[in-house]
Amino acid sequence: MEWLNRKLFPFPIHHYPSRDGVIRYVDVGSGPVVLFVHGTPTWSLLWRHAIAKFASTHRVIAIDHLGFGLSEKPSEVDYSLPAHAARFHAFVDYLGIHDITLVVHDFGGPIALSDVIHRPGLYKKLILCNTFFWPFAGEFVVPTTISLLNGRVGKFLYLNLNMSPQWLLPAVFANRQNLDSAVHQQYVAPFADSTQRQALWAMVHELTPDNLWLAQCWAQREHLVKIPTLLLWGSRDPVFGAAYLQRWQQLFHHVQICTYHDAGHFVQEEASFDYVKQIQSFIA
């Protein structure tokens, strides 16, 4: 991992030997557990400001899914959402944690929330950032330009040109000037060649309207509704827009909402200090 910028990411790195490969994660501090779960094409770098803030008062854990970030990237492994979710379930068991404040973003939502619906007693609060938990159908169909990637051309762009972190990531910022070049390089660097980009490509296949696993998860959403929840949302997200926020808002019995009108998909980068303050207030 010669590419890792330790000035941006100074945290100790731990290893979890999953049955599919080594998953790496941050585990710092002590106290109540806050567990951060990223989506695609990011890794735990996304949470660096929150990790630094809460490490003095909480036990802060941030996982890198297999195939992402600092974790191993075996080529012959199942990188579907159900497979990621199964590994996350086993990871929580491995750590033996409970009374968890769960913070999720993007595809990290369904990966982690699938565990919440099966054992909600482990989770005491939820913080959802521009995420989803249902199939991409109806008003939630992804833009045509993204759906077209699920083909031969998309595969070439993803595996050969590293399209997801290189081009798509900055495209979903409200203001690309908010993406520091050194930070962007740290999102691109984990996927050095086509053999390390299989997990990125696999996520494209989850964007279909007939995703049965997502439909089954959403059908069990009643297990989420009583958990106190904070929604942190970038309003200028071109993919997970207002309809996504409204569906989440209508679901929960106890919900707080903070929207960022000058942020896109990544509030962690475009509203980095305020989003940490919102989390701090919510879990205090």
Protein backbone atom coordinates (compact mmCIF):
# COMPACT_ATOMS: atom_id res chain seq x y z
CA MET A 1 0.00 0.00 0.00
CA GLU A 2 2.70 2.42 -1.01
CA TRP A 3 0.03 4.73 -2.39
CA LEU A 4 -1.48 5.46 1.06
CA ASN A 5 -1.10 9.08 2.15
CA ARG A 6 -0.52 8.87 5.89
CA LYS A 7 -1.00 12.61 6.33
CA LEU A 8 -4.58 12.26 5.12
CA PHE A 9 -5.17 8.90 6.77
CA PRO A 10 -3.00 8.52 9.89
CA PHE A 11 -5.10 5.89 11.65
CA PRO A 12 -3.93 2.38 12.67
CA ILE A 13 -5.11 -0.33 10.32
CA HIS A 14 -6.48 -3.67 11.51
CA HIS A 15 -7.05 -6.93 9.64
CA TYR A 16 -10.10 -9.18 9.59
CA PRO A 17 -9.48 -12.54 7.86
CA SER A 18 -12.83 -13.07 6.14
CA ARG A 19 -13.34 -16.33 4.30
CA ASP A 20 -13.03 -14.50 0.98
CA GLY A 21 -9.95 -12.40 1.74
CA VAL A 22 -8.46 -9.94 4.21
CA ILE A 23 -10.71 -7.02 5.12
CA ARG A 24 -8.94 -4.03 6.63
CA TYR A 25 -10.53 -1.54 8.97
CA VAL A 26 -9.94 1.29 11.41
CA ASP A 27 -10.67 0.65 15.08
CA VAL A 28 -9.63 3.49 17.37
CA GLY A 29 -10.68 4.90 20.72
CA SER A 30 -12.93 3.45 23.40
CA GLY A 31 -16.47 3.99 24.55
CA PRO A 32 -19.79 3.81 22.69
CA VAL A 33 -19.40 2.29 19.25
CA VAL A 34 -19.75 4.33 16.06
CA LEU A 35 -19.47 2.19 12.94
CA PHE A 36 -18.91 3.82 9.53
CA VAL A 37 -19.73 2.00 6.28
CA HIS A 38 -18.75 3.38 2.87
CA GLY A 39 -20.16 2.69 -0.58
CA THR A 40 -18.63 2.77 -4.05
CA PRO A 41 -16.03 3.78 -5.20
CA THR A 42 -14.83 5.04 -1.83
CA TRP A 43 -13.26 3.55 1.28
CA SER A 44 -12.82 4.59 4.92
CA LEU A 45 -10.89 7.68 3.83
CA LEU A 46 -14.38 9.12 3.32
CA TRP A 47 -14.88 9.21 7.10
CA ARG A 48 -11.45 10.62 8.07
CA HIS A 49 -12.80 13.86 9.59
CA ALA A 50 -15.35 12.00 11.72
CA ILE A 51 -12.82 9.36 12.79
CA ALA A 52 -10.42 12.05 13.99
CA LYS A 53 -13.19 13.85 15.86
CA PHE A 54 -14.79 10.92 17.67
CA ALA A 55 -11.71 8.82 18.49
CA SER A 56 -11.26 10.65 21.80
CA THR A 57 -14.78 9.91 23.04
CA HIS A 58 -15.96 6.78 21.20
CA ARG A 59 -14.82 3.49 19.79
CA VAL A 60 -14.72 4.37 16.11
CA ILE A 61 -14.74 1.61 13.50
CA ALA A 62 -14.61 2.09 9.73
CA ILE A 63 -14.58 -0.91 7.42
CA ASP A 64 -13.15 -1.18 3.92
CA HIS A 65 -15.28 -3.68 2.04
CA LEU A 66 -13.47 -6.49 0.29
CA GLY A 67 -12.34 -5.18 -3.10
CA PHE A 68 -12.16 -1.57 -1.89
CA GLY A 69 -9.59 0.73 -0.32
CA LEU A 70 -7.04 -1.00 1.86
CA SER A 71 -8.72 -4.41 1.76
CA GLU A 72 -7.63 -7.25 -0.48
CA LYS A 73 -9.04 -7.39 -3.99
CA PRO A 74 -9.21 -11.03 -5.07
CA SER A 75 -10.42 -11.38 -8.64
CA GLU A 76 -12.46 -14.58 -8.25
CA VAL A 77 -14.79 -13.48 -5.45
CA ASP A 78 -18.49 -12.64 -5.28
CA TYR A 79 -18.79 -8.84 -5.03
CA SER A 80 -22.57 -8.66 -5.19
CA LEU A 81 -24.52 -6.77 -2.55
CA PRO A 82 -25.66 -9.97 -0.79
CA ALA A 83 -22.04 -11.15 -0.60
CA HIS A 84 -20.85 -7.83 0.83
CA ALA A 85 -23.74 -7.94 3.30
CA ALA A 86 -22.83 -11.46 4.44
CA ARG A 87 -19.24 -10.39 5.02
CA PHE A 88 -20.41 -7.34 6.96
CA HIS A 89 -22.62 -9.53 9.16
CA ALA A 90 -19.63 -11.77 9.90
CA PHE A 91 -17.45 -8.71 10.56
CA VAL A 92 -19.85 -7.41 13.22
CA ASP A 93 -19.82 -10.87 14.82
CA TYR A 94 -16.03 -10.92 14.70
CA LEU A 95 -15.83 -7.63 16.59
CA GLY A 96 -18.51 -8.64 19.09
CA ILE A 97 -19.96 -5.13 19.18
CA HIS A 98 -23.41 -3.92 20.23
CA ASP A 99 -25.29 -0.68 21.01
CA ILE A 100 -23.98 0.53 17.66
CA THR A 101 -24.47 3.93 16.11
CA LEU A 102 -24.34 3.06 12.42
CA VAL A 103 -23.31 5.62 9.80
CA VAL A 104 -23.74 4.63 6.14
CA HIS A 105 -23.32 6.17 2.71
CA ASP A 106 -24.25 5.11 -0.82
CA PHE A 107 -24.08 1.31 -1.27
CA GLY A 108 -22.96 1.07 2.34
CA GLY A 109 -26.64 1.56 3.18
CA PRO A 110 -28.02 -1.74 1.92
CA ILE A 111 -24.83 -3.61 2.87
CA ALA A 112 -25.13 -2.60 6.54
CA LEU A 113 -28.87 -2.09 6.91
CA SER A 114 -29.41 -5.68 5.83
CA ASP A 115 -27.79 -6.60 9.14
CA VAL A 116 -29.97 -4.14 11.05
CA ILE A 117 -33.21 -5.68 9.78
CA HIS A 118 -32.08 -9.13 10.92
CA ARG A 119 -30.87 -8.10 14.37
CA PRO A 120 -32.07 -4.58 15.15
CA GLY A 121 -31.25 -5.03 18.85
CA LEU A 122 -27.55 -4.47 18.08
CA TYR A 123 -28.17 -0.97 16.71
CA LYS A 124 -29.26 2.02 18.76
CA LYS A 125 -29.04 4.84 16.19
CA LEU A 126 -28.81 5.20 12.42
CA ILE A 127 -27.23 7.97 10.37
CA LEU A 128 -27.95 7.76 6.65
CA CYS A 129 -26.08 9.82 4.06
CA ASN A 130 -27.31 9.80 0.44
CA THR A 131 -28.15 6.13 0.36
CA PHE A 132 -30.94 3.68 -0.52
CA PHE A 133 -32.40 0.30 0.47
CA TRP A 134 -34.69 -0.62 -2.44
CA PRO A 135 -34.45 -1.56 -6.14
CA PHE A 136 -33.75 1.12 -8.73
CA ALA A 137 -37.26 1.16 -10.14
CA GLY A 138 -40.09 3.65 -10.70
CA GLU A 139 -39.14 7.13 -9.52
CA PHE A 140 -35.83 5.69 -8.32
CA VAL A 141 -34.53 4.61 -11.72
CA VAL A 142 -30.92 5.77 -12.13
CA PRO A 143 -30.06 8.21 -14.92
CA THR A 144 -29.85 6.68 -18.38
CA THR A 145 -26.17 7.54 -18.68
CA ILE A 146 -25.45 5.36 -15.66
CA SER A 147 -27.70 2.48 -16.66
CA LEU A 148 -25.95 2.32 -20.04
CA LEU A 149 -22.73 1.42 -18.24
CA ASN A 150 -24.11 -2.05 -17.56
CA GLY A 151 -22.73 -3.41 -20.83
CA ARG A 152 -19.59 -4.02 -22.87
CA VAL A 153 -18.62 -0.35 -23.11
CA GLY A 154 -19.20 0.19 -19.42
CA LYS A 155 -17.10 -2.82 -18.54
CA PHE A 156 -14.22 -1.46 -20.62
CA LEU A 157 -14.51 1.97 -19.00
CA TYR A 158 -14.64 0.54 -15.50
CA LEU A 159 -11.93 -2.10 -15.78
CA ASN A 160 -9.52 -0.46 -18.19
CA LEU A 161 -9.89 3.26 -17.51
CA ASN A 162 -10.91 3.18 -13.83
CA MET A 163 -13.96 5.27 -14.67
CA SER A 164 -15.73 5.09 -11.32
CA PRO A 165 -13.24 6.91 -9.05
CA GLN A 166 -11.50 8.76 -11.86
CA TRP A 167 -14.51 10.42 -13.53
CA LEU A 168 -17.81 9.50 -11.89
CA LEU A 169 -16.75 10.41 -8.35
CA PRO A 170 -16.00 14.08 -9.12
CA ALA A 171 -19.07 14.24 -11.39
CA VAL A 172 -21.43 13.82 -8.42
CA PHE A 173 -19.94 16.73 -6.45
CA ALA A 174 -21.98 19.92 -6.44
CA ASN A 175 -18.73 21.80 -6.95
CA ARG A 176 -15.75 19.86 -8.23
CA GLN A 177 -13.44 22.46 -6.71
CA ASN A 178 -14.37 20.92 -3.35
CA LEU A 179 -12.51 17.74 -4.29
CA ASP A 180 -8.88 18.31 -3.37
CA SER A 181 -6.51 16.71 -5.88
CA ALA A 182 -4.59 14.82 -3.18
CA VAL A 183 -7.84 13.42 -1.80
CA HIS A 184 -9.03 12.45 -5.27
CA GLN A 185 -5.77 10.63 -5.87
CA GLN A 186 -6.41 8.58 -2.71
CA TYR A 187 -9.77 7.48 -4.09
CA VAL A 188 -8.24 6.50 -7.42
CA ALA A 189 -5.06 4.82 -6.18
CA PRO A 190 -6.54 1.65 -4.58
CA PHE A 191 -7.65 0.47 -8.03
CA ALA A 192 -4.29 0.40 -9.77
CA ASP A 193 -5.16 -1.96 -12.62
CA SER A 194 -8.04 -3.95 -14.10
CA THR A 195 -7.51 -6.89 -11.75
CA GLN A 196 -8.24 -4.62 -8.78
CA ARG A 197 -11.44 -3.10 -10.18
CA GLN A 198 -13.77 -6.10 -10.10
CA ALA A 199 -15.68 -4.83 -7.06
CA LEU A 200 -16.32 -1.51 -8.80
CA TRP A 201 -17.68 -3.22 -11.87
CA ALA A 202 -19.86 -5.55 -9.79
CA MET A 203 -21.71 -2.60 -8.26
CA VAL A 204 -22.96 -1.56 -11.70
CA HIS A 205 -24.94 -4.82 -11.91
CA GLU A 206 -26.92 -3.87 -8.80
CA LEU A 207 -28.52 -0.88 -10.54
CA THR A 208 -31.30 -2.94 -12.14
CA PRO A 209 -35.02 -2.46 -11.36
CA ASP A 210 -35.48 -6.19 -10.72
CA ASN A 211 -32.91 -6.62 -7.96
CA LEU A 212 -34.63 -9.30 -5.89
CA TRP A 213 -32.28 -9.03 -2.90
CA LEU A 214 -32.96 -5.30 -2.52
CA ALA A 215 -36.69 -5.92 -2.87
CA GLN A 216 -36.53 -8.52 -0.10
CA CYS A 217 -34.59 -6.14 2.12
CA TRP A 218 -37.08 -3.32 1.63
CA ALA A 219 -39.95 -5.66 2.40
CA GLN A 220 -38.48 -6.03 5.91
CA ARG A 221 -38.06 -2.31 6.52
CA GLU A 222 -40.41 -2.37 9.52
CA HIS A 223 -37.43 -3.51 11.60
CA LEU A 224 -35.84 -0.09 11.05
CA VAL A 225 -38.68 2.28 11.78
CA LYS A 226 -38.33 2.61 15.57
CA ILE A 227 -34.59 3.24 15.58
CA PRO A 228 -33.75 6.96 16.04
CA THR A 229 -32.36 8.17 12.74
CA LEU A 230 -30.52 11.17 11.34
CA LEU A 231 -30.62 11.87 7.60
CA LEU A 232 -27.66 13.87 6.28
CA TRP A 233 -28.31 14.69 2.65
CA GLY A 234 -26.55 16.51 -0.15
CA SER A 235 -29.42 18.11 -2.08
CA ARG A 236 -27.49 18.40 -5.33
CA ASP A 237 -26.84 14.69 -5.65
CA PRO A 238 -27.60 13.88 -9.33
CA VAL A 239 -28.38 10.22 -8.55
CA PHE A 240 -29.86 9.99 -5.04
CA GLY A 241 -32.07 13.04 -5.21
CA ALA A 242 -35.09 14.39 -3.34
CA ALA A 243 -37.25 11.29 -3.86
CA TYR A 244 -34.75 9.16 -1.95
CA LEU A 245 -34.70 11.57 0.98
CA GLN A 246 -38.49 11.75 1.06
CA ARG A 247 -38.86 7.98 1.14
CA TRP A 248 -36.50 7.74 4.10
CA GLN A 249 -38.21 10.65 5.84
CA GLN A 250 -41.59 8.93 5.58
CA LEU A 251 -40.29 5.64 6.98
CA PHE A 252 -39.00 6.45 10.45
CA HIS A 253 -40.89 7.24 13.64
CA HIS A 254 -38.03 9.30 15.07
CA VAL A 255 -36.08 11.14 12.41
CA GLN A 256 -33.98 14.28 12.16
CA ILE A 257 -33.01 15.76 8.80
CA CYS A 258 -30.14 17.97 7.78
CA THR A 259 -29.88 18.91 4.12
CA TYR A 260 -26.91 20.56 2.44
CA HIS A 261 -28.02 22.63 -0.51
CA ASP A 262 -24.46 23.26 -1.67
CA ALA A 263 -23.38 19.61 -1.55
CA GLY A 264 -23.82 16.73 -3.92
CA HIS A 265 -23.41 13.01 -3.26
CA PHE A 266 -20.49 13.39 -0.84
CA VAL A 267 -21.46 15.54 2.13
CA GLN A 268 -18.41 14.06 3.86
CA GLU A 269 -16.20 16.01 1.45
CA GLU A 270 -18.32 19.08 0.63
CA ALA A 271 -19.66 19.73 4.14
CA SER A 272 -16.97 17.88 6.05
CA PHE A 273 -16.95 19.89 9.27
CA ASP A 274 -20.66 20.56 9.61
CA TYR A 275 -21.68 16.96 8.96
CA VAL A 276 -19.38 15.89 11.79
CA LYS A 277 -21.01 18.47 14.08
CA GLN A 278 -24.44 17.11 13.16
CA ILE A 279 -23.38 13.57 14.03
CA GLN A 280 -21.85 14.76 17.29
CA SER A 281 -25.07 16.52 18.27
CA PHE A 282 -27.20 13.53 17.33
CA ILE A 283 -25.22 10.96 19.32
CA ALA A 284 -24.48 13.19 22.31
